[in-house]
Amino acid sequence: MDYLYLILGLALLLLAANYLVESSVAIARRAHISSFIIGLTIVGIGTSAPELFITIASALGDKGDIAMGNVVGSNIANILLVMGLTAAITPFAIERVQQRRDIPICIVAAALLLLLANDKIIPGIDENTISRIDAGLLLLLFAVYMLKIVKSRKSGDMAEEEDEATSSLDGKHPALLWTIAIVSLAALIGGGDLFLDSAQNLARAWGMSDAVISITIVAVGTSLPELITAVVAASKHNPQLALGNVIGSCVFNILMIVGVGAMFKPLALSSIQLADYGVMLAASIGLAIVVFTFGRNRFDRIEGFLFLAAYAGYTVYLLFR
């Protein structure tokens, strides 16, 4: 039954996140909020809602390894699996705003998380924990990142990112929109708990640690929207449609999701190893290297296959660890 509950929980998460975004965008458009603000807040948070709710549920349930493994694993999957698979199908350009703003902050965020989550490397500290002070630092940096995005838009650097936010629920009655939003939020909470409990049961049945199950099954599950969208977009020769926010999502996962989760309750970590954070950091640095190798400013097919091979190798390492 745990396999069924795992699938059902994931389906609830993905479906509820989609309808939460759709209803929220429609509500915001009725209130005449700009497309940029909608994309920056509602859509950005909505697409990471599965990771966010699993992290919060894990934090409140004293399951720090699942909370952190979800974030670390999602970032690794987003970079190595999603971007690698997309480039293997259709090579694409790395846009200027990603080169100048998103990739550097992605590297900084990954390095900072590695340091904050590994207190034992600091003399005199024996416990690996993301404290509320650590969470405050992450959320402060997230606010700075958001302000930088707004400033970039005002200076004209983000003209290439302009998109009109639309919703399939545009024109529906406000009462219906609010009902959909509330039901979707409840489904997110319920789906997160169901997915989390079944993943833990499977981990115990397989003799795997919470860290490994969260970095693999949980992380890939919550990254499915990005993965499916990327593959479909790449097959239609429009990879930028799906990948515009993948790097930003990695920053969002570390700074906002870990920050919010640890604010609810400090995350005590035990089985996630330094190597896991190292792979996440190496993947982020790999993005910067991609910009300057093979086709300059492009993610080429050979680089995509290298990223996929790296992800496969890391997964095998986890299963045998």
Protein backbone atom coordinates (compact mmCIF):
# COMPACT_ATOMS: atom_id res chain seq x y z
CA MET A 1 0.00 0.00 0.00
CA ASP A 2 2.92 2.35 0.59
CA TYR A 3 3.69 2.36 -3.15
CA LEU A 4 0.08 3.35 -3.83
CA TYR A 5 0.15 6.04 -1.14
CA LEU A 6 3.44 7.37 -2.54
CA ILE A 7 1.94 7.75 -6.02
CA LEU A 8 -1.31 9.18 -4.65
CA GLY A 9 0.55 11.68 -2.47
CA LEU A 10 2.71 12.79 -5.39
CA ALA A 11 -0.34 13.12 -7.65
CA LEU A 12 -2.06 15.28 -5.03
CA LEU A 13 1.03 17.48 -4.71
CA LEU A 14 1.44 18.03 -8.45
CA LEU A 15 -2.26 18.53 -9.19
CA ALA A 16 -2.84 20.81 -6.20
CA ALA A 17 0.25 22.90 -6.97
CA ASN A 18 -0.99 23.41 -10.54
CA TYR A 19 -4.47 24.53 -9.47
CA LEU A 20 -3.09 26.70 -6.67
CA VAL A 21 -1.00 28.57 -9.24
CA GLU A 22 -3.87 28.80 -11.75
CA SER A 23 -6.37 30.11 -9.21
CA SER A 24 -3.88 32.48 -7.58
CA VAL A 25 -2.85 33.97 -10.94
CA ALA A 26 -6.52 34.47 -11.87
CA ILE A 27 -7.21 36.16 -8.51
CA ALA A 28 -4.17 38.40 -8.88
CA ARG A 29 -5.13 39.38 -12.44
CA ARG A 30 -8.61 40.37 -11.25
CA ALA A 31 -6.88 42.59 -8.68
CA HIS A 32 -4.82 44.14 -11.53
CA ILE A 33 -1.47 42.99 -10.12
CA SER A 34 1.32 43.15 -12.71
CA SER A 35 2.43 40.01 -14.55
CA PHE A 36 5.97 40.49 -13.26
CA ILE A 37 4.90 40.45 -9.61
CA ILE A 38 2.62 37.45 -10.24
CA GLY A 39 5.48 35.53 -11.85
CA LEU A 40 7.94 36.52 -9.15
CA THR A 41 5.71 35.51 -6.23
CA ILE A 42 2.70 33.31 -6.99
CA VAL A 43 4.13 31.29 -9.88
CA GLY A 44 7.59 31.07 -8.33
CA ILE A 45 6.27 29.82 -5.00
CA GLY A 46 3.60 27.64 -6.62
CA THR A 47 6.04 25.68 -8.79
CA SER A 48 8.10 24.89 -5.68
CA ALA A 49 5.06 24.15 -3.51
CA PRO A 50 5.69 20.37 -3.37
CA GLU A 51 9.23 20.90 -2.04
CA LEU A 52 8.02 23.62 0.34
CA PHE A 53 5.21 21.60 1.91
CA ILE A 54 7.30 18.43 2.24
CA THR A 55 10.07 20.48 3.90
CA ILE A 56 7.67 22.12 6.35
CA ALA A 57 5.99 18.78 7.16
CA SER A 58 9.40 17.17 7.66
CA ALA A 59 10.60 19.99 9.92
CA LEU A 60 7.49 19.80 12.11
CA GLY A 61 7.83 16.01 12.28
CA ASP A 62 11.49 16.15 13.36
CA LYS A 63 12.57 14.60 10.04
CA GLY A 64 15.38 16.98 9.15
CA ASP A 65 17.12 14.54 6.82
CA ILE A 66 14.04 14.24 4.60
CA ALA A 67 13.59 18.03 4.56
CA MET A 68 17.21 18.65 3.58
CA GLY A 69 17.48 15.62 1.30
CA ASN A 70 14.45 16.87 -0.62
CA VAL A 71 16.09 20.24 -1.28
CA VAL A 72 19.57 18.90 -2.03
CA GLY A 73 18.21 16.12 -4.22
CA SER A 74 15.82 18.45 -6.07
CA ASN A 75 18.64 20.86 -6.90
CA ILE A 76 20.86 18.05 -8.14
CA ALA A 77 17.99 16.64 -10.21
CA ASN A 78 17.08 20.06 -11.62
CA ILE A 79 20.62 20.77 -12.78
CA LEU A 80 22.01 17.37 -13.78
CA LEU A 81 18.83 15.53 -14.80
CA VAL A 82 16.41 18.21 -16.06
CA MET A 83 18.94 20.49 -17.75
CA GLY A 84 21.08 17.58 -18.90
CA LEU A 85 18.16 15.74 -20.51
CA THR A 86 16.89 18.92 -22.16
CA ALA A 87 20.29 19.74 -23.66
CA ALA A 88 20.68 16.12 -24.84
CA ILE A 89 17.41 16.53 -26.76
CA THR A 90 17.86 20.13 -27.96
CA PRO A 91 20.93 22.30 -27.19
CA PHE A 92 20.00 25.76 -25.92
CA ALA A 93 21.54 29.13 -25.13
CA ILE A 94 22.44 30.24 -21.61
CA GLU A 95 20.86 33.68 -21.39
CA ARG A 96 22.75 36.73 -20.16
CA VAL A 97 20.69 37.19 -17.00
CA GLN A 98 21.39 33.56 -16.01
CA GLN A 99 25.12 34.02 -16.58
CA ARG A 100 25.40 37.29 -14.67
CA ARG A 101 22.92 36.83 -11.83
CA ASP A 102 21.39 33.38 -11.36
CA ILE A 103 24.38 31.04 -11.82
CA PRO A 104 26.69 32.98 -9.43
CA ILE A 105 24.02 33.20 -6.71
CA CYS A 106 23.24 29.51 -7.24
CA ILE A 107 26.88 28.68 -6.50
CA VAL A 108 26.98 31.00 -3.46
CA ALA A 109 23.74 29.53 -2.06
CA ALA A 110 24.98 25.93 -2.50
CA ALA A 111 28.30 26.75 -0.82
CA LEU A 112 26.54 28.53 2.05
CA LEU A 113 24.18 25.60 2.65
CA LEU A 114 27.14 23.20 2.70
CA LEU A 115 28.76 25.27 5.47
CA LEU A 116 25.60 25.84 7.53
CA ALA A 117 24.54 22.18 7.39
CA ASN A 118 27.94 20.79 8.35
CA ASP A 119 28.63 22.32 11.75
CA LYS A 120 30.97 19.43 12.64
CA ILE A 121 33.62 20.79 10.30
CA ILE A 122 33.86 23.78 12.65
CA PRO A 123 36.02 23.06 15.75
CA GLY A 124 34.01 22.85 18.98
CA ILE A 125 30.63 22.14 17.36
CA ASP A 126 29.34 18.55 17.39
CA GLU A 127 25.81 18.82 15.96
CA ASN A 128 24.77 19.38 12.34
CA THR A 129 21.68 21.59 12.51
CA ILE A 130 20.09 24.35 10.47
CA SER A 131 19.11 26.69 13.29
CA ARG A 132 16.66 29.58 13.24
CA ILE A 133 19.64 31.94 13.03
CA ASP A 134 20.83 30.06 9.94
CA ALA A 135 17.28 30.25 8.56
CA GLY A 136 17.21 34.00 9.13
CA LEU A 137 20.45 34.38 7.16
CA LEU A 138 19.06 32.31 4.26
CA LEU A 139 15.82 34.30 4.18
CA LEU A 140 17.75 37.59 4.30
CA LEU A 141 19.79 36.54 1.28
CA PHE A 142 16.58 35.47 -0.45
CA ALA A 143 15.15 38.96 0.10
CA VAL A 144 18.33 40.47 -1.35
CA TYR A 145 18.01 38.15 -4.36
CA MET A 146 14.40 39.21 -4.92
CA LEU A 147 15.37 42.89 -4.68
CA LYS A 148 18.14 42.30 -7.21
CA ILE A 149 15.61 40.78 -9.61
CA VAL A 150 13.30 43.79 -9.23
CA LYS A 151 16.23 46.18 -9.68
CA SER A 152 17.38 44.30 -12.80
CA ARG A 153 13.90 44.63 -14.28
CA LYS A 154 13.79 48.37 -13.61
CA SER A 155 17.17 48.83 -15.27
CA GLY A 156 15.97 46.96 -18.36
CA ASP A 157 18.19 43.90 -17.90
CA MET A 158 15.17 41.62 -17.68
CA ALA A 159 13.41 42.56 -20.87
CA GLU A 160 14.16 39.11 -22.21
CA GLU A 161 12.28 37.58 -19.25
CA GLU A 162 8.98 39.41 -19.78
CA ASP A 163 6.02 37.07 -20.09
CA GLU A 164 2.31 37.74 -19.74
CA ALA A 165 1.01 35.73 -16.81
CA THR A 166 -2.22 34.00 -17.78
CA SER A 167 -4.46 31.39 -16.22
CA SER A 168 -6.89 28.81 -17.55
CA LEU A 169 -9.28 30.07 -14.84
CA ASP A 170 -9.34 33.69 -16.04
CA GLY A 171 -12.88 35.07 -15.98
CA LYS A 172 -14.23 32.63 -13.39
CA HIS A 173 -16.27 33.90 -10.44
CA PRO A 174 -14.11 35.07 -7.48
CA ALA A 175 -15.90 32.70 -5.08
CA LEU A 176 -14.97 29.75 -7.30
CA LEU A 177 -11.36 30.94 -7.57
CA TRP A 178 -11.00 31.27 -3.79
CA THR A 179 -12.61 27.85 -3.28
CA ILE A 180 -10.15 26.24 -5.72
CA ALA A 181 -7.23 27.99 -4.02
CA ILE A 182 -8.28 26.85 -0.52
CA VAL A 183 -8.99 23.26 -1.63
CA SER A 184 -5.65 23.16 -3.49
CA LEU A 185 -3.83 24.38 -0.39
CA ALA A 186 -5.49 21.68 1.72
CA ALA A 187 -4.60 19.04 -0.91
CA LEU A 188 -0.99 20.22 -0.85
CA ILE A 189 -0.82 19.75 2.91
CA GLY A 190 -2.52 16.35 2.78
CA GLY A 191 -0.49 15.19 -0.22
CA GLY A 192 2.75 16.27 1.44
CA ASP A 193 1.99 14.28 4.59
CA LEU A 194 0.89 11.20 2.61
CA PHE A 195 3.95 11.31 0.35
CA LEU A 196 6.28 11.85 3.29
CA ASP A 197 4.90 9.00 5.42
CA SER A 198 4.90 6.47 2.56
CA ALA A 199 8.44 7.46 1.53
CA GLN A 200 9.65 6.86 5.08
CA ASN A 201 7.94 3.47 5.28
CA LEU A 202 9.54 2.42 1.99
CA ALA A 203 12.93 3.61 3.18
CA ARG A 204 12.69 1.39 6.24
CA ALA A 205 11.44 -1.57 4.17
CA TRP A 206 14.38 -1.25 1.77
CA GLY A 207 16.88 -0.72 4.57
CA MET A 208 17.72 2.75 3.23
CA SER A 209 18.29 5.90 5.24
CA ASP A 210 15.89 8.85 5.19
CA ALA A 211 18.61 10.83 3.44
CA VAL A 212 18.96 8.44 0.50
CA ILE A 213 15.20 7.99 -0.02
CA SER A 214 14.62 11.76 0.09
CA ILE A 215 17.51 12.56 -2.27
CA THR A 216 16.27 9.99 -4.80
CA ILE A 217 12.53 9.20 -4.75
CA VAL A 218 11.24 12.29 -2.94
CA ALA A 219 13.48 14.73 -4.82
CA VAL A 220 12.80 13.32 -8.29
CA GLY A 221 9.09 13.14 -7.47
CA THR A 222 8.90 16.82 -6.55
CA SER A 223 11.00 17.72 -9.62
CA LEU A 224 8.64 15.90 -12.01
CA PRO A 225 6.84 19.09 -13.16
CA GLU A 226 10.12 20.66 -14.28
CA LEU A 227 11.30 17.39 -15.83
CA ILE A 228 8.12 16.69 -17.81
CA THR A 229 7.78 20.31 -18.95
CA ALA A 230 11.42 20.43 -20.02
CA VAL A 231 11.21 17.23 -22.06
CA VAL A 232 8.01 18.37 -23.82
CA ALA A 233 9.43 21.84 -24.49
CA ALA A 234 12.71 20.41 -25.79
CA SER A 235 10.87 18.03 -28.10
CA LYS A 236 9.10 21.08 -29.54
CA HIS A 237 12.46 22.87 -29.93
CA ASN A 238 11.57 25.50 -27.33
CA PRO A 239 13.72 24.55 -24.32
CA GLN A 240 13.91 28.08 -22.90
CA LEU A 241 10.16 27.89 -22.24
CA ALA A 242 10.80 25.31 -19.55
CA LEU A 243 14.29 26.27 -18.37
CA GLY A 244 13.85 29.97 -17.74
CA ASN A 245 13.33 29.41 -14.01
CA VAL A 246 15.24 26.15 -13.36
CA ILE A 247 18.36 27.88 -12.03
CA GLY A 248 16.29 30.38 -10.10
CA SER A 249 14.36 27.45 -8.63
CA CYS A 250 17.60 26.03 -7.23
CA VAL A 251 18.28 29.32 -5.44
CA PHE A 252 14.66 29.41 -4.28
CA ASN A 253 14.93 25.87 -2.85
CA ILE A 254 17.98 26.67 -0.74
CA LEU A 255 17.30 30.21 0.46
CA MET A 256 13.52 30.27 0.81
CA ILE A 257 12.44 26.65 1.34
CA VAL A 258 15.20 25.65 3.77
CA GLY A 259 14.86 29.06 5.46
CA VAL A 260 11.09 28.73 5.95
CA GLY A 261 11.34 25.08 7.03
CA ALA A 262 14.01 25.80 9.67
CA MET A 263 12.04 28.82 10.91
CA PHE A 264 9.15 26.47 11.72
CA LYS A 265 11.55 24.14 13.53
CA PRO A 266 15.38 23.81 13.38
CA LEU A 267 16.45 20.96 11.09
CA ALA A 268 18.56 18.33 12.85
CA LEU A 269 20.63 16.44 10.27
CA SER A 270 22.27 13.06 10.76
CA SER A 271 22.56 10.90 7.63
CA ILE A 272 23.07 13.40 4.81
CA GLN A 273 26.77 13.41 4.08
CA LEU A 274 29.20 16.12 3.05
CA ALA A 275 29.46 14.40 -0.34
CA ASP A 276 25.78 15.12 -1.06
CA TYR A 277 26.23 18.85 -0.53
CA GLY A 278 29.45 18.61 -2.52
CA VAL A 279 27.63 17.11 -5.52
CA MET A 280 25.04 19.91 -5.36
CA LEU A 281 27.80 22.53 -5.27
CA ALA A 282 29.74 20.79 -8.06
CA ALA A 283 26.60 20.70 -10.22
CA SER A 284 26.15 24.44 -9.72
CA ILE A 285 29.78 25.10 -10.63
CA GLY A 286 29.31 22.82 -13.63
CA LEU A 287 26.71 25.26 -14.95
CA ALA A 288 29.28 28.04 -14.88
CA ILE A 289 31.79 25.83 -16.70
CA VAL A 290 29.18 25.04 -19.38
CA VAL A 291 28.99 28.75 -20.25
CA PHE A 292 32.65 28.79 -21.33
CA THR A 293 33.12 25.34 -22.92
CA PHE A 294 32.25 23.78 -26.29
CA GLY A 295 29.66 26.16 -27.78
CA ARG A 296 30.27 29.32 -25.75
CA ASN A 297 27.16 30.56 -23.88
CA ARG A 298 25.34 27.39 -24.93
CA PHE A 299 24.39 24.13 -23.28
CA ASP A 300 25.43 21.64 -25.96
CA ARG A 301 24.34 18.05 -26.45
CA ILE A 302 27.66 16.58 -25.29
CA GLU A 303 27.44 18.62 -22.08
CA GLY A 304 23.90 17.36 -21.59
CA PHE A 305 25.05 13.74 -21.82
CA LEU A 306 27.88 14.48 -19.36
CA PHE A 307 25.38 15.90 -16.87
CA LEU A 308 23.13 12.84 -17.29
CA ALA A 309 26.10 10.51 -16.76
CA ALA A 310 27.03 12.43 -13.61
CA TYR A 311 23.48 12.09 -12.28
CA ALA A 312 23.39 8.35 -13.05
CA GLY A 313 26.75 7.88 -11.35
CA TYR A 314 25.64 9.78 -8.25
CA THR A 315 22.42 7.73 -8.02
CA VAL A 316 24.35 4.46 -8.23
CA TYR A 317 26.71 5.75 -5.52
CA LEU A 318 23.72 6.51 -3.26
CA LEU A 319 22.17 3.07 -3.73
CA PHE A 320 25.42 1.32 -2.81
CA ARG A 321 26.37 3.71 0.00
